[in-house]
Protein backbone atom coordinates (compact mmCIF):
# COMPACT_ATOMS: atom_id res chain seq x y z
CA MET A 1 -3.84 0.27 -16.92
CA LEU A 2 -5.18 2.33 -14.04
CA PRO A 3 -7.02 5.64 -14.62
CA ASN A 4 -4.98 8.83 -14.53
CA ARG A 5 -4.48 9.98 -10.94
CA PRO A 6 -3.65 13.62 -10.21
CA GLU A 7 -1.88 12.83 -7.00
CA CYS A 8 1.76 13.22 -7.38
CA SER A 9 1.95 16.85 -8.44
CA LEU A 10 1.36 18.31 -4.99
CA LEU A 11 3.79 15.92 -3.36
CA LEU A 12 6.46 16.60 -5.90
CA SER A 13 6.30 20.28 -5.13
CA LEU A 14 6.73 19.54 -1.42
CA LEU A 15 9.56 17.05 -1.47
CA VAL A 16 13.24 17.79 -1.70
CA LEU A 17 14.11 14.14 -2.26
CA PRO A 18 12.72 12.36 -5.30
CA ALA A 19 10.34 10.63 -2.99
CA CYS A 20 7.52 10.83 -5.43
CA PRO A 21 9.20 8.95 -8.11
CA GLY A 22 6.14 7.11 -8.79
CA GLY A 23 3.74 9.65 -7.93
CA ASN A 24 3.18 9.69 -4.38
CA ASP A 25 4.38 7.18 -2.17
CA SER A 26 0.94 6.44 -1.44
CA GLY A 27 -0.08 7.52 -4.67
CA GLU A 28 -2.45 9.85 -3.15
CA LEU A 29 -3.87 12.42 -5.22
CA VAL A 30 -4.11 15.90 -4.17
CA GLU A 31 -6.65 15.45 -1.53
CA ASP A 32 -7.48 17.44 1.54
CA ASP A 33 -5.90 15.23 4.07
CA SER A 34 -7.22 16.44 7.35
CA THR A 35 -8.40 13.27 8.96
CA THR A 36 -11.29 14.97 10.64
CA ASN A 37 -12.59 17.28 7.92
CA ALA A 38 -14.16 16.28 4.66
CA ASP A 39 -11.90 16.66 1.69
CA ASP A 40 -12.50 20.08 0.34
CA GLY A 41 -12.73 19.16 -3.28
CA SER A 42 -9.06 19.49 -3.95
CA THR A 43 -8.06 17.08 -6.65
CA GLY A 44 -7.11 14.18 -4.68
CA ASP A 45 -5.10 12.33 -2.25
CA ALA A 46 -1.64 12.76 -3.45
CA ASP A 47 1.17 11.53 -1.41
CA THR A 48 4.07 9.71 -2.73
CA SER A 49 6.69 8.99 -0.28
CA GLY A 50 5.70 5.84 1.29
CA ASP A 51 2.49 5.32 -0.51
CA PRO A 52 2.80 4.52 -4.02
CA PRO A 53 3.23 7.83 -5.57
CA ALA A 54 0.72 7.34 -8.09
CA GLU A 55 0.29 4.59 -5.99
CA PRO A 56 -0.21 1.11 -6.36
CA THR A 57 -0.82 -0.78 -9.35
CA ASP A 58 -0.17 -4.30 -9.89
CA GLY A 59 3.41 -4.67 -10.73
CA ASP A 60 5.25 -7.68 -11.67
CA ALA A 61 8.19 -6.73 -13.69
CA SER A 62 11.67 -7.93 -12.99
CA SER A 63 12.62 -8.27 -9.39
CA GLY A 64 15.67 -6.05 -9.32
CA GLY A 65 17.60 -8.96 -7.92
CA ALA A 66 15.84 -8.97 -4.56
CA ASP A 67 14.70 -12.54 -4.84
CA GLU A 68 18.27 -13.68 -5.43
CA THR A 69 19.62 -12.07 -2.31
CA GLY A 70 17.26 -13.99 -0.01
CA PRO A 71 16.59 -12.73 3.51
CA GLY A 72 18.62 -9.61 4.07
CA THR A 73 18.47 -6.52 1.94
CA SER A 74 17.42 -5.76 -1.62
CA ASP A 75 19.98 -4.66 -4.17
CA CYS A 76 17.80 -1.59 -4.73
CA ASP A 77 17.52 -0.40 -1.11
CA ASP A 78 19.46 2.82 -1.68
CA GLN A 79 17.29 3.80 -4.60
CA MET A 80 14.13 2.81 -2.74
CA ILE A 81 15.06 5.07 0.18
CA LEU A 82 15.10 7.97 -2.27
CA ASP A 83 12.16 6.98 -4.42
CA LEU A 84 9.78 6.11 -1.59
CA GLY A 85 11.04 8.78 0.80
CA LEU A 86 11.85 6.24 3.51
CA VAL A 87 12.53 7.85 6.89
CA GLY A 88 14.96 6.59 9.53
CA GLY A 89 14.69 7.16 13.27
CA LEU A 90 10.91 7.54 13.33
CA VAL A 91 8.34 4.83 14.00
CA SER A 92 4.81 5.46 12.75
CA GLU A 93 2.44 6.91 15.33
CA GLY A 94 -0.47 5.25 13.56
CA GLU A 95 -2.51 2.65 15.38
CA VAL A 96 -4.21 -0.55 14.29
CA SER A 97 -7.20 -2.34 15.78
CA SER A 98 -8.90 -5.59 14.86
CA THR A 99 -12.24 -7.19 15.62
CA THR A 100 -13.55 -10.57 14.58
CA SER A 101 -15.98 -10.63 11.67
CA ALA A 102 -18.12 -13.22 9.95
CA GLN A 103 -15.22 -14.20 7.75
CA GLY A 104 -12.11 -13.59 9.79
CA TRP A 105 -11.05 -10.13 10.87
CA ALA A 106 -11.96 -6.50 10.29
CA SER A 107 -8.97 -4.24 10.88
CA MET A 108 -8.70 -0.46 11.07
CA VAL A 109 -5.31 0.94 10.04
CA ASP A 110 -4.22 4.54 10.59
CA ALA A 111 -2.09 5.16 7.51
CA THR A 112 -2.38 8.95 7.65
CA ALA A 113 1.37 9.48 8.12
CA GLY A 114 0.76 12.90 9.63
CA GLY A 115 -1.54 14.04 6.83
CA ILE A 116 -0.91 14.66 3.17
CA MET A 117 1.30 17.70 3.72
CA ASP A 118 3.54 15.96 6.27
CA ALA A 119 3.53 12.47 4.79
CA PRO A 120 6.84 12.94 2.94
CA THR A 121 8.67 13.23 6.27
CA ASN A 122 6.70 10.57 8.14
CA PRO A 123 7.19 6.79 8.05
CA TRP A 124 5.11 3.89 6.85
CA ILE A 125 3.20 1.81 9.37
CA TYR A 126 4.39 -1.82 9.43
CA LEU A 127 2.01 -4.67 10.19
CA ARG A 128 1.93 -8.43 10.69
CA PHE A 129 -0.96 -10.87 10.32
CA THR A 130 -1.41 -13.12 13.35
CA PRO A 131 -4.09 -15.53 14.61
CA GLU A 132 -4.89 -12.85 17.22
CA GLY A 133 -5.45 -10.11 14.64
CA LEU A 134 -3.40 -7.58 12.72
CA ARG A 135 -0.44 -6.34 14.78
CA LYS A 136 1.72 -3.24 14.45
CA VAL A 137 5.47 -3.86 14.22
CA GLU A 138 7.57 -1.17 15.89
CA VAL A 139 10.25 -0.52 13.27
CA ASP A 140 11.22 2.56 11.31
CA ASP A 141 11.51 2.58 7.53
CA LEU A 142 15.23 1.81 7.46
CA GLN A 143 15.01 -0.96 10.04
CA ALA A 144 12.18 -2.46 8.01
CA LEU A 145 14.55 -2.95 5.09
CA GLU A 146 16.32 -5.64 7.12
CA SER A 147 13.37 -6.99 9.11
CA THR A 148 11.27 -10.07 8.44
CA ASP A 149 8.93 -9.23 11.32
CA TRP A 150 6.43 -7.38 9.13
CA ASP A 151 4.20 -8.65 6.31
CA ILE A 152 2.64 -5.50 4.88
CA ALA A 153 3.21 -1.75 5.17
CA ALA A 154 0.83 1.15 4.58
CA LYS A 155 1.17 4.87 4.03
CA ARG A 156 -1.71 6.97 2.75
CA PHE A 157 -3.04 4.77 -0.03
CA GLY A 158 0.17 2.92 -0.66
CA LEU A 159 0.37 -0.72 0.34
CA ARG A 160 3.52 -2.79 -0.14
CA LEU A 161 4.56 -6.26 0.90
CA ASN A 162 7.69 -7.55 2.60
CA GLY A 163 9.22 -9.50 -0.23
CA GLY A 164 10.98 -9.08 -3.55
CA VAL A 165 12.50 -5.62 -3.92
CA SER A 166 10.43 -4.26 -1.02
CA GLY A 167 11.87 -6.24 1.89
CA PRO A 168 13.86 -9.30 3.00
CA SER A 169 10.92 -11.59 3.73
CA GLN A 170 9.12 -13.87 1.28
CA VAL A 171 5.58 -12.42 1.28
CA SER A 172 3.86 -12.75 -2.10
CA ALA A 173 0.41 -12.02 -3.48
CA VAL A 174 -2.01 -12.35 -6.36
CA ALA A 175 -5.03 -10.20 -7.26
CA LEU A 176 -8.24 -12.13 -7.93
CA GLU A 177 -10.14 -9.91 -10.34
CA GLY A 178 -13.69 -10.98 -11.01
CA MET A 179 -14.08 -12.54 -7.57
CA THR A 180 -15.48 -11.20 -4.32
CA TYR A 181 -13.92 -11.56 -0.90
CA GLU A 182 -16.65 -14.02 0.06
CA ASP A 183 -15.91 -16.12 -3.03
CA VAL A 184 -12.30 -16.72 -2.01
CA THR A 185 -11.90 -19.98 -0.11
CA GLU A 186 -8.61 -21.21 -1.56
CA LEU A 187 -5.86 -20.27 -3.97
CA PRO A 188 -7.52 -20.78 -7.36
CA PRO A 189 -5.87 -23.23 -9.74
CA GLY A 190 -3.55 -21.35 -12.05
CA ALA A 191 -3.27 -18.29 -9.78
CA GLU A 192 0.36 -17.19 -9.70
CA LEU A 193 1.74 -15.60 -6.55
CA ALA A 194 4.44 -12.96 -7.07
CA GLN A 195 6.68 -10.81 -4.90
CA GLU A 196 7.09 -7.04 -5.17
CA SER A 197 9.03 -6.15 -8.31
CA PHE A 198 8.67 -2.41 -8.82
CA TYR A 199 12.36 -2.11 -9.79
CA ASP A 200 14.09 -3.64 -12.79
CA ALA A 201 17.53 -5.25 -12.75
CA ASP A 202 19.14 -1.80 -12.95
CA CYS A 203 17.11 -0.50 -9.98
CA THR A 204 15.05 1.75 -12.22
CA LEU A 205 11.59 2.29 -10.76
CA ILE A 206 8.77 0.57 -12.63
CA ASP A 207 5.61 2.64 -12.47
CA ASP A 208 2.06 1.42 -12.46
CA GLY A 209 1.11 2.84 -15.84
CA SER A 210 -1.29 5.40 -14.39
CA GLY A 211 0.73 8.28 -15.81
CA GLN A 212 1.73 9.54 -12.37
CA GLY A 213 4.97 7.60 -11.96
CA ALA A 214 3.69 5.58 -9.01
CA PRO A 215 5.48 2.34 -8.13
CA ALA A 216 3.84 -0.79 -9.49
CA TYR A 217 2.89 -2.26 -6.12
CA LEU A 218 1.30 -5.71 -6.18
CA LEU A 219 -1.77 -4.53 -4.27
CA ALA A 220 -2.33 -1.43 -6.40
CA GLN A 221 -5.58 -2.78 -7.78
CA TRP A 222 -7.38 -2.16 -4.49
CA TRP A 223 -8.16 1.42 -5.51
CA THR A 224 -9.02 3.69 -8.41
CA TYR A 225 -9.52 7.44 -8.68
CA PRO A 226 -12.78 8.87 -10.03
CA GLY A 227 -12.19 12.13 -8.10
CA CYS A 228 -11.55 10.46 -4.76
CA VAL A 229 -9.85 7.26 -3.60
CA ALA A 230 -12.48 4.67 -4.47
CA THR A 231 -12.25 1.03 -3.50
CA THR A 232 -12.52 -1.61 -6.21
CA GLY A 233 -13.43 -4.57 -4.03
CA VAL A 234 -10.73 -6.66 -5.71
CA PRO A 235 -9.64 -9.35 -3.23
CA PHE A 236 -6.08 -10.58 -2.89
CA ILE A 237 -4.45 -13.73 -1.59
CA LEU A 238 -1.18 -13.25 0.27
CA GLN A 239 1.27 -16.00 1.08
CA LEU A 240 3.17 -15.13 4.26
CA ASP A 241 6.76 -16.05 5.05
CA ASP A 242 5.64 -19.17 6.93
CA GLY A 243 3.68 -20.41 3.93
CA SER A 244 0.22 -19.62 5.32
CA LEU A 245 -2.35 -17.99 3.05
CA VAL A 246 -4.40 -14.90 3.86
CA LYS A 247 -7.22 -13.39 1.83
CA LEU A 248 -7.52 -9.59 2.00
CA VAL A 249 -9.79 -6.87 0.71
CA VAL A 250 -9.68 -3.12 1.34
CA ASP A 251 -13.21 -1.97 2.16
CA ALA A 252 -12.56 1.70 2.86
CA TYR A 253 -9.96 4.43 2.55
CA TYR A 254 -12.06 7.07 4.29
CA GLU A 255 -13.23 7.00 7.88
CA SER A 256 -16.68 7.92 6.57
CA GLY A 257 -18.18 8.51 3.15
CA GLN A 258 -16.55 5.65 1.22
CA ASP A 259 -19.81 4.61 -0.42
CA GLN A 260 -20.36 8.21 -1.51
CA CYS A 261 -16.90 8.25 -3.06
CA ASN A 262 -17.44 4.96 -4.86
CA GLU A 263 -20.83 5.99 -6.21
CA THR A 264 -20.41 9.70 -6.99
CA GLY A 265 -16.69 10.49 -6.97
CA MET A 266 -17.07 12.83 -3.99
CA MET A 267 -14.39 12.58 -1.31
CA GLY A 268 -15.18 11.18 2.08
CA MET A 269 -13.97 12.35 5.49
CA GLY A 270 -10.90 11.16 7.34
CA SER A 271 -8.60 10.00 4.55
CA ALA A 272 -6.08 7.17 4.94
CA GLN A 273 -8.10 5.57 7.76
CA LEU A 274 -8.12 2.17 6.11
CA THR A 275 -10.60 -0.62 6.75
CA TRP A 276 -9.52 -4.11 5.76
CA ARG A 277 -11.18 -7.49 5.92
CA TRP A 278 -8.94 -10.49 5.99
CA ALA A 279 -8.82 -14.12 7.03
CA TYR A 280 -6.50 -17.09 7.00
CA LEU A 281 -7.31 -19.74 4.42
CA GLU A 282 -7.23 -23.39 5.41
């Protein structure tokens, strides 16, 4: 069970739709979200529509029927539009950049979604892993519900995959607790890949157990909240729709000051400016 995260309360007071069903779409606590100023000590990074409300946690409950529908749409799309605050007609203005690293790629993802106050009315950023780096996919939230072009989406600190109840593709993942990114060279024996299943068969949202009502996203274990959005270093293996495997770790949520956050619980500067490391596995 993840630690209690005071993120959803602010978002809930801002949203008209139940977009913070799980806490904040990104699960961001009530943090000062100016991307250029240090967080002012407000409680957190709360943001729920689009980022797991009380954001991510590992969720693997029932699939809500998405796996049975195959490529197309999930049976729970209508509820997800409300719960995650999905926005039609707007494509994320966030950018992504990638550079080669010792073990694959280092990618910077702008998941600010307009800042914490405006995130409820701004879309997720949709991304695809390619041999040439991480690429942005130009779709809005509603188009993404029927698109297999994207692999992973980000908004504030919410990360969700295109598979299961979250999208029509077949992307799956497993968290490898107790391992480091460098340790991961293959899918460990016994590791079980799963698709997003943050809805049950009745399309009732399954939360991550943090107490904030955040959706139980598969990649939720990348972060914790000791007073800021701290990274756990937990690596993941993703299986993409073409069957290829990618290892992924989130190194930073803040543009600067992530180590300070991890070590002291003090917020960094430039929230939702994500840094990922990832690589294809042979």
